[in-house]
Amino acid sequence: MNDLLYRMTFNVLKDIGFGQANEEVEDGASKLGGSLTIIGPTNPAPWILRMAFALFPGVWNIPHWFKFLEMTQGIVMKRLSSQPESVDIASFFLEDAQRKEADMISREAVGGDCGVILLAGSDLTRDSTSGPSLILLFYCLARWPEHAEKIRQELRNVDYNDMAALSALPHLTATINESLRLYPAGPTFGSRVTGPEGLNCDGVFIPGGTKVVAPRWSTGRQAYEAAHEFIPERWYSKPELVKDKRAFAPFSMGRNSCGGKKVAMSQMRLAVAVLVSKYSIRFAPGTTDEMSVENDMRDQLTPLPGDLKLVFEKLE
């Protein structure tokens, strides 16, 4: 399931971002995935990454990063020479570049915007967020099939092509939220620096200029009753199971929150609705450790789940 969902989400991103679906999907996802194996471990200290780029350009997975940059430049150049039938995300920053005099906007800068969309704004790629989030969501549906059945009942007489109708289904949205609570798209991502006056946190003084982070992985297991249990109902019919609503921020919050939130949620709702309404979902025969998806997961800026092997059996 991993590669299938990675390719699907990467393809969607290229379509809505640059009007370039169905082109070099597998190769592009591979380059993006390889690049993030570098960014993840060095995220707390990006100066290490800059030093590695300058001194060791051919070592480890660093070549993946440069290949990724080449890919983004190719995507931008192809987009500049074409005009998609519908408005894509690239339309907005290309128009902005033209307003600011195109000659002053380097190809590298526009390519950087392209990379940001693929890496972060998407929520949709191999080691960005929707790819892993979809894998972990289907893992939850296979592990707790009663929730797939509840969603199936909600979907009766609902057109799953109607995004507004899907967003109104409480158990569908709650199941996605519960999966994001337990398996956040950025488990330990989102560091900040304390102000010059420092910060007093629960009786502990943190000096000014100190890098701090509140890991979503930890808050997702501390700010809830029965925190280690998968209970989607806590998000609509059992609010007493949520100790502090502020702890749930899977897409961050404020002006720096994820701009692709609605796209990501729509994609996850649609993927679940289409598959759950047509198929039953279970772990593949021979799966000796159902929790390997979770136990083998790595944190590399965004999560990299273990292999998920499922069987989709067509419903009568």
Protein backbone atom coordinates (compact mmCIF):
# COMPACT_ATOMS: atom_id res chain seq x y z
CA MET A 1 0.00 0.00 0.00
CA ASN A 2 2.84 2.40 0.77
CA ASP A 3 4.10 2.90 -2.78
CA LEU A 4 0.57 3.00 -4.21
CA LEU A 5 -0.53 5.78 -1.86
CA TYR A 6 2.73 7.68 -2.29
CA ARG A 7 2.35 7.69 -6.07
CA MET A 8 -1.33 8.63 -5.88
CA THR A 9 -0.77 11.60 -3.60
CA PHE A 10 2.29 12.80 -5.54
CA ASN A 11 0.26 12.62 -8.76
CA VAL A 12 -2.57 14.65 -7.22
CA LEU A 13 -0.07 17.27 -6.07
CA LYS A 14 1.50 17.69 -9.48
CA ASP A 15 -1.97 18.03 -10.99
CA ILE A 16 -3.39 20.68 -8.65
CA GLY A 17 -0.01 22.36 -8.18
CA PHE A 18 1.30 22.46 -11.73
CA GLY A 19 -1.25 20.86 -14.05
CA GLN A 20 1.15 17.99 -14.71
CA ALA A 21 -0.50 14.77 -13.55
CA ASN A 22 0.60 11.30 -14.68
CA GLU A 23 4.15 12.37 -15.51
CA GLU A 24 7.22 10.77 -13.91
CA VAL A 25 5.23 10.07 -10.77
CA GLU A 26 7.28 7.17 -9.44
CA ASP A 27 10.64 8.81 -10.16
CA GLY A 28 9.50 12.11 -8.68
CA ALA A 29 8.23 10.51 -5.48
CA SER A 30 11.51 8.63 -5.13
CA LYS A 31 13.57 11.82 -5.47
CA LEU A 32 11.38 13.62 -2.97
CA GLY A 33 11.57 10.74 -0.51
CA GLY A 34 15.34 10.53 -0.77
CA SER A 35 15.71 14.26 -0.17
CA LEU A 36 13.72 14.13 3.06
CA THR A 37 15.93 11.46 4.56
CA ILE A 38 18.44 14.32 4.78
CA ILE A 39 16.18 17.12 6.00
CA GLY A 40 14.50 15.13 8.77
CA PRO A 41 17.50 14.22 10.96
CA THR A 42 19.15 17.63 10.55
CA ASN A 43 16.01 19.75 11.01
CA PRO A 44 16.86 20.80 14.61
CA ALA A 45 20.26 22.10 13.42
CA PRO A 46 20.01 23.16 9.75
CA TRP A 47 23.56 24.54 9.79
CA ILE A 48 24.76 20.92 9.70
CA LEU A 49 22.89 20.45 6.43
CA ARG A 50 24.40 23.59 4.89
CA MET A 51 27.88 22.43 5.86
CA ALA A 52 27.25 18.98 4.39
CA PHE A 53 25.99 20.47 1.11
CA ALA A 54 29.13 22.59 0.82
CA LEU A 55 31.72 20.03 1.89
CA PHE A 56 30.28 16.63 1.00
CA PRO A 57 27.95 16.99 -2.03
CA GLY A 58 28.39 13.36 -3.09
CA VAL A 59 28.04 11.66 0.30
CA TRP A 60 25.06 9.80 1.84
CA ASN A 61 21.71 10.88 0.34
CA ILE A 62 22.82 14.42 -0.47
CA PRO A 63 22.75 13.69 -4.25
CA HIS A 64 19.01 12.97 -3.85
CA TRP A 65 18.54 16.56 -2.73
CA PHE A 66 20.26 17.99 -5.78
CA LYS A 67 18.26 15.65 -8.03
CA PHE A 68 15.11 16.89 -6.33
CA LEU A 69 16.12 20.50 -7.04
CA GLU A 70 16.73 19.62 -10.69
CA MET A 71 13.28 18.04 -10.83
CA THR A 72 11.62 21.16 -9.42
CA GLN A 73 13.39 23.32 -11.99
CA GLY A 74 12.13 21.02 -14.74
CA ILE A 75 8.57 21.20 -13.42
CA VAL A 76 8.71 25.00 -13.32
CA MET A 77 10.16 25.33 -16.82
CA LYS A 78 7.52 23.00 -18.23
CA ARG A 79 4.80 24.94 -16.43
CA LEU A 80 6.13 28.25 -17.79
CA SER A 81 5.85 26.93 -21.34
CA SER A 82 2.25 25.74 -20.96
CA GLN A 83 -1.13 26.93 -19.75
CA PRO A 84 -3.28 24.35 -17.92
CA GLU A 85 -7.00 24.15 -18.60
CA SER A 86 -7.86 25.03 -14.99
CA VAL A 87 -6.19 27.29 -12.44
CA ASP A 88 -3.41 25.56 -10.51
CA ILE A 89 -1.39 26.62 -7.48
CA ALA A 90 1.56 27.64 -9.64
CA SER A 91 -0.63 30.24 -11.36
CA PHE A 92 -0.62 32.40 -8.26
CA PHE A 93 3.10 32.61 -7.58
CA LEU A 94 3.89 32.94 -11.30
CA GLU A 95 1.47 35.88 -11.55
CA ASP A 96 3.10 37.37 -8.46
CA ALA A 97 6.53 36.99 -10.07
CA GLN A 98 5.30 38.76 -13.20
CA ARG A 99 3.91 41.66 -11.16
CA LYS A 100 7.31 42.06 -9.51
CA GLU A 101 9.09 42.12 -12.87
CA ALA A 102 9.97 38.63 -14.05
CA ASP A 103 13.61 39.51 -14.74
CA MET A 104 14.15 40.06 -11.04
CA ILE A 105 12.71 36.67 -10.08
CA SER A 106 15.29 33.95 -10.57
CA ARG A 107 14.43 30.51 -11.79
CA GLU A 108 15.95 29.23 -8.57
CA ALA A 109 13.48 31.26 -6.51
CA VAL A 110 10.48 30.03 -8.48
CA GLY A 111 11.89 26.52 -8.30
CA GLY A 112 12.15 26.99 -4.55
CA ASP A 113 8.45 27.82 -4.43
CA CYS A 114 7.81 24.65 -6.39
CA GLY A 115 9.85 22.67 -3.87
CA VAL A 116 7.93 24.17 -0.97
CA ILE A 117 4.65 23.09 -2.55
CA LEU A 118 5.91 19.55 -3.11
CA LEU A 119 7.55 19.25 0.31
CA ALA A 120 5.22 21.09 2.64
CA GLY A 121 2.28 22.81 1.02
CA SER A 122 1.13 19.58 -0.51
CA ASP A 123 0.49 17.55 2.56
CA LEU A 124 0.44 15.03 -0.21
CA THR A 125 3.74 13.39 -0.99
CA ARG A 126 5.93 10.46 -0.17
CA ASP A 127 7.53 11.89 2.89
CA SER A 128 5.30 14.89 3.26
CA THR A 129 2.08 14.42 5.09
CA SER A 130 -0.93 13.04 3.27
CA GLY A 131 0.96 10.06 1.86
CA PRO A 132 2.04 8.82 5.31
CA SER A 133 -1.22 10.03 6.85
CA LEU A 134 -3.24 7.95 4.38
CA ILE A 135 -1.09 4.90 5.08
CA LEU A 136 -1.60 5.28 8.82
CA LEU A 137 -5.31 5.98 8.34
CA PHE A 138 -5.84 2.76 6.39
CA TYR A 139 -3.74 0.96 8.99
CA CYS A 140 -6.22 2.16 11.61
CA LEU A 141 -9.20 1.06 9.51
CA ALA A 142 -7.70 -2.42 9.12
CA ARG A 143 -6.82 -2.67 12.79
CA TRP A 144 -10.20 -1.40 13.99
CA PRO A 145 -12.62 -2.48 11.22
CA GLU A 146 -15.71 -1.50 13.21
CA HIS A 147 -14.94 2.11 12.33
CA ALA A 148 -14.77 1.31 8.63
CA GLU A 149 -18.25 -0.17 8.99
CA LYS A 150 -19.55 2.97 10.73
CA ILE A 151 -18.17 5.09 7.90
CA ARG A 152 -19.76 2.72 5.39
CA GLN A 153 -23.14 3.26 7.02
CA GLU A 154 -22.65 7.04 6.92
CA LEU A 155 -21.88 6.87 3.21
CA ARG A 156 -25.21 5.32 2.28
CA ASN A 157 -27.10 7.69 -0.03
CA VAL A 158 -24.14 10.11 -0.07
CA ASP A 159 -22.38 11.15 -3.28
CA TYR A 160 -18.70 10.79 -2.43
CA ASN A 161 -17.83 13.26 -5.19
CA ASP A 162 -19.56 15.95 -3.12
CA MET A 163 -16.84 17.28 -0.83
CA ALA A 164 -19.32 19.29 1.24
CA ALA A 165 -21.39 16.17 1.87
CA LEU A 166 -18.31 14.19 2.91
CA SER A 167 -17.14 16.91 5.28
CA ALA A 168 -20.53 16.73 7.03
CA LEU A 169 -20.10 13.04 7.96
CA PRO A 170 -19.07 13.06 11.64
CA HIS A 171 -17.52 9.61 11.95
CA LEU A 172 -15.52 9.93 8.73
CA THR A 173 -13.95 13.20 9.85
CA ALA A 174 -13.53 11.94 13.42
CA THR A 175 -11.71 8.82 12.23
CA ILE A 176 -9.27 10.98 10.25
CA ASN A 177 -8.78 13.27 13.26
CA GLU A 178 -8.18 10.34 15.59
CA SER A 179 -5.59 8.90 13.23
CA LEU A 180 -3.87 12.30 13.04
CA ARG A 181 -3.94 12.56 16.84
CA LEU A 182 -2.14 9.27 17.34
CA TYR A 183 0.07 9.52 14.25
CA PRO A 184 0.61 13.23 13.53
CA ALA A 185 1.97 14.39 10.19
CA GLY A 186 4.81 16.20 11.97
CA PRO A 187 5.58 14.09 15.08
CA THR A 188 8.32 16.34 16.44
CA PHE A 189 8.35 19.15 13.87
CA GLY A 190 7.64 22.81 14.61
CA SER A 191 10.39 24.23 16.80
CA ARG A 192 10.32 27.82 18.03
CA VAL A 193 12.81 30.13 19.75
CA THR A 194 11.91 31.73 23.06
CA GLY A 195 11.82 35.52 23.22
CA PRO A 196 14.61 37.55 24.83
CA GLU A 197 12.69 37.64 28.12
CA GLY A 198 12.63 33.85 28.33
CA LEU A 199 9.64 31.64 29.06
CA ASN A 200 8.19 30.20 32.26
CA CYS A 201 6.59 26.85 31.46
CA ASP A 202 4.89 24.97 34.29
CA GLY A 203 7.32 26.35 36.84
CA VAL A 204 10.40 25.79 34.70
CA PHE A 205 12.23 28.85 33.37
CA ILE A 206 13.58 28.55 29.83
CA PRO A 207 16.16 31.25 28.96
CA GLY A 208 15.66 33.56 26.00
CA GLY A 209 16.96 32.45 22.64
CA THR A 210 16.42 28.76 23.41
CA LYS A 211 14.97 26.47 20.76
CA VAL A 212 11.90 24.63 22.07
CA VAL A 213 9.33 22.27 20.63
CA ALA A 214 6.05 20.76 21.84
CA PRO A 215 6.02 17.42 19.99
CA ARG A 216 2.59 16.56 18.60
CA TRP A 217 3.40 12.90 19.17
CA SER A 218 3.63 13.55 22.93
CA THR A 219 0.71 15.96 23.29
CA GLY A 220 -1.46 13.51 21.36
CA ARG A 221 -0.88 11.02 24.15
CA GLN A 222 -1.12 13.31 27.17
CA ALA A 223 -4.04 15.70 26.64
CA TYR A 224 -6.73 13.04 26.32
CA GLU A 225 -8.53 10.42 28.35
CA ALA A 226 -7.82 6.86 27.19
CA ALA A 227 -5.14 8.50 25.07
CA HIS A 228 -3.64 5.29 23.70
CA GLU A 229 -7.00 3.97 22.51
CA PHE A 230 -8.44 4.61 19.05
CA ILE A 231 -11.76 6.32 19.81
CA PRO A 232 -13.00 8.58 16.97
CA GLU A 233 -16.16 9.34 18.96
CA ARG A 234 -14.12 11.63 21.21
CA TRP A 235 -14.36 14.21 18.40
CA TYR A 236 -18.14 14.45 18.25
CA SER A 237 -20.15 12.39 20.77
CA LYS A 238 -17.69 11.92 23.66
CA PRO A 239 -16.03 15.32 24.14
CA GLU A 240 -15.23 14.43 27.75
CA LEU A 241 -12.38 12.30 26.37
CA VAL A 242 -10.59 15.48 25.22
CA LYS A 243 -8.90 17.20 28.17
CA ASP A 244 -7.64 20.22 26.23
CA LYS A 245 -8.78 20.98 22.67
CA ARG A 246 -5.73 23.18 22.12
CA ALA A 247 -3.54 20.08 22.01
CA PHE A 248 -5.00 19.03 18.66
CA ALA A 249 -3.33 21.00 15.89
CA PRO A 250 -2.36 18.49 13.17
CA PHE A 251 -1.88 21.29 10.63
CA SER A 252 -0.34 23.71 13.13
CA MET A 253 -2.14 26.99 13.85
CA GLY A 254 -1.98 30.71 13.27
CA ARG A 255 -0.61 32.46 10.20
CA ASN A 256 2.03 29.77 9.68
CA SER A 257 -0.44 26.89 9.68
CA CYS A 258 -0.58 24.49 6.74
CA GLY A 259 -2.09 26.16 3.68
CA GLY A 260 -2.97 22.76 2.24
CA LYS A 261 -5.22 21.68 5.12
CA LYS A 262 -8.46 21.69 3.14
CA VAL A 263 -6.86 19.91 0.20
CA ALA A 264 -5.37 17.26 2.48
CA MET A 265 -8.62 16.66 4.37
CA SER A 266 -10.61 16.49 1.13
CA GLN A 267 -8.18 13.98 -0.32
CA MET A 268 -8.26 11.76 2.76
CA ARG A 269 -12.05 11.90 2.97
CA LEU A 270 -12.40 11.02 -0.70
CA ALA A 271 -9.87 8.16 -0.62
CA VAL A 272 -11.53 6.59 2.42
CA ALA A 273 -15.06 7.13 1.08
CA VAL A 274 -14.34 5.52 -2.30
CA LEU A 275 -12.51 2.49 -0.92
CA VAL A 276 -14.59 1.85 2.21
CA SER A 277 -17.87 2.08 0.29
CA LYS A 278 -16.71 -0.57 -2.20
CA TYR A 279 -14.37 -2.85 -0.26
CA SER A 280 -13.79 -4.47 3.10
CA ILE A 281 -10.27 -3.88 4.38
CA ARG A 282 -8.08 -6.32 6.28
CA PHE A 283 -4.43 -7.12 6.79
CA ALA A 284 -2.92 -9.36 4.13
CA PRO A 285 -2.56 -13.08 4.90
CA GLY A 286 0.83 -13.87 6.34
CA THR A 287 1.11 -10.56 8.16
CA THR A 288 2.96 -11.65 11.30
CA ASP A 289 3.15 -8.27 12.97
CA GLU A 290 0.19 -6.01 12.27
CA MET A 291 1.77 -3.22 14.29
CA SER A 292 4.98 -3.14 12.23
CA VAL A 293 3.53 -0.14 10.36
CA GLU A 294 3.70 1.72 13.65
CA ASN A 295 6.67 0.02 15.28
CA ASP A 296 8.93 0.40 12.23
CA MET A 297 7.94 4.02 11.64
CA ARG A 298 10.74 6.60 11.43
CA ASP A 299 10.53 10.31 12.13
CA GLN A 300 12.27 12.20 9.33
CA LEU A 301 10.57 15.59 9.56
CA THR A 302 7.35 13.78 8.64
CA PRO A 303 6.65 10.12 9.50
CA LEU A 304 7.88 7.26 7.36
CA PRO A 305 5.60 4.32 8.28
CA GLY A 306 6.58 0.68 8.06
CA ASP A 307 5.21 -1.46 5.22
CA LEU A 308 1.42 -1.78 5.12
CA LYS A 309 0.05 -4.84 3.33
CA LEU A 310 -3.72 -4.98 2.98
CA VAL A 311 -6.40 -6.97 1.20
CA PHE A 312 -9.36 -5.12 -0.33
CA GLU A 313 -12.28 -7.49 -0.83
CA LYS A 314 -15.15 -6.23 -3.00
CA LEU A 315 -18.42 -5.92 -1.12
CA GLU A 316 -21.56 -7.65 -2.33
